[in-house]
C-alpha atoms as a PDB file:
ATOM      1  CA  MET A   1     -72.592  39.441 110.726  1.00  0.00           C
ATOM      2  CA  PRO A   2     -68.857  38.737 110.864  1.00  0.00           C
ATOM      3  CA  ARG A   3     -66.466  41.460 109.771  1.00  0.00           C
ATOM      4  CA  GLN A   4     -65.447  41.483 106.132  1.00  0.00           C
ATOM      5  CA  THR A   5     -61.857  40.808 105.212  1.00  0.00           C
ATOM      6  CA  PRO A   6     -60.088  43.435 103.096  1.00  0.00           C
ATOM      7  CA  ALA A   7     -60.285  41.086 100.091  1.00  0.00           C
ATOM      8  CA  GLN A   8     -64.039  40.607 100.567  1.00  0.00           C
ATOM      9  CA  LYS A   9     -64.544  44.363 100.880  1.00  0.00           C
ATOM     10  CA  ARG A  10     -62.627  45.007  97.638  1.00  0.00           C
ATOM     11  CA  LYS A  11     -64.675  42.362  95.795  1.00  0.00           C
ATOM     12  CA  ILE A  12     -67.968  43.819  97.057  1.00  0.00           C
ATOM     13  CA  GLU A  13     -66.877  47.334  96.052  1.00  0.00           C
ATOM     14  CA  LYS A  14     -65.865  46.078  92.589  1.00  0.00           C
ATOM     15  CA  VAL A  15     -69.185  44.308  91.972  1.00  0.00           C
ATOM     16  CA  MET A  16     -71.230  47.265  93.246  1.00  0.00           C
ATOM     17  CA  GLY A  17     -69.169  49.597  91.042  1.00  0.00           C
ATOM     18  CA  GLU A  18     -70.013  47.439  88.033  1.00  0.00           C
ATOM     19  CA  PHE A  19     -73.691  47.643  89.007  1.00  0.00           C
ATOM     20  CA  LYS A  20     -73.514  51.433  89.318  1.00  0.00           C
ATOM     21  CA  ASP A  21     -71.873  51.650  85.882  1.00  0.00           C
ATOM     22  CA  GLY A  22     -74.563  49.395  84.393  1.00  0.00           C
ATOM     23  CA  ASP A  23     -72.067  46.660  83.521  1.00  0.00           C
ATOM     24  CA  LEU A  24     -73.046  43.963  86.043  1.00  0.00           C
ATOM     25  CA  LYS A  25     -74.542  40.784  84.619  1.00  0.00           C
ATOM     26  CA  SER A  26     -75.928  37.719  86.355  1.00  0.00           C
ATOM     27  CA  SER A  27     -74.474  34.260  85.842  1.00  0.00           C
ATOM     28  CA  SER A  28     -77.077  33.713  83.109  1.00  0.00           C
ATOM     29  CA  GLY A  29     -75.776  36.780  81.251  1.00  0.00           C
ATOM     30  CA  GLU A  30     -78.739  39.042  81.994  1.00  0.00           C
ATOM     31  CA  LYS A  31     -78.120  42.639  83.015  1.00  0.00           C
ATOM     32  CA  VAL A  32     -78.685  43.158  86.746  1.00  0.00           C
ATOM     33  CA  LYS A  33     -81.390  45.774  87.242  1.00  0.00           C
ATOM     34  CA  THR A  34     -82.003  45.859  91.002  1.00  0.00           C
ATOM     35  CA  ARG A  35     -79.737  46.862  93.856  1.00  0.00           C
ATOM     36  CA  ASP A  36     -80.901  43.870  95.908  1.00  0.00           C
ATOM     37  CA  GLN A  37     -79.773  41.468  93.188  1.00  0.00           C
ATOM     38  CA  ALA A  38     -76.438  43.299  92.903  1.00  0.00           C
ATOM     39  CA  ILE A  39     -75.896  43.011  96.666  1.00  0.00           C
ATOM     40  CA  ALA A  40     -76.667  39.286  96.580  1.00  0.00           C
ATOM     41  CA  ILE A  41     -74.161  38.792  93.766  1.00  0.00           C
ATOM     42  CA  ALA A  42     -71.531  40.895  95.555  1.00  0.00           C
ATOM     43  CA  LEU A  43     -71.875  38.922  98.787  1.00  0.00           C
ATOM     44  CA  SER A  44     -71.807  35.633  96.943  1.00  0.00           C
ATOM     45  CA  GLU A  45     -68.731  36.594  94.913  1.00  0.00           C
ATOM     46  CA  ALA A  46     -66.948  37.713  98.078  1.00  0.00           C
ATOM     47  CA  GLY A  47     -67.863  34.519  99.918  1.00  0.00           C
ATOM     48  CA  ALA A  48     -69.629  36.632 102.527  1.00  0.00           C
ATOM     49  CA  SER A  49     -73.189  35.414 102.012  1.00  0.00           C
ATOM     50  CA  LYS A  50     -75.073  34.326 105.096  1.00  0.00           C
ATOM     51  CA  LYS A  51     -74.844  30.620 105.766  1.00  0.00           C
ATOM     52  CA  ASP A  52     -77.241  28.483 107.785  1.00  0.00           C
ATOM     53  CA  ASP A  53     -75.880  27.339 111.147  1.00  0.00           C
END
């Protein structure tokens, strides 16, 4: 996996902080309940999600 830029790292930390606080919601407005879903959202928001070659 390529290294994260500082901006990506900050975005991931922000999203995961919201998850920890219980404030993270999916794009459909539902509360995120699993860590895996929170990670997927964080990576997507940061533009760091894995892309097919």
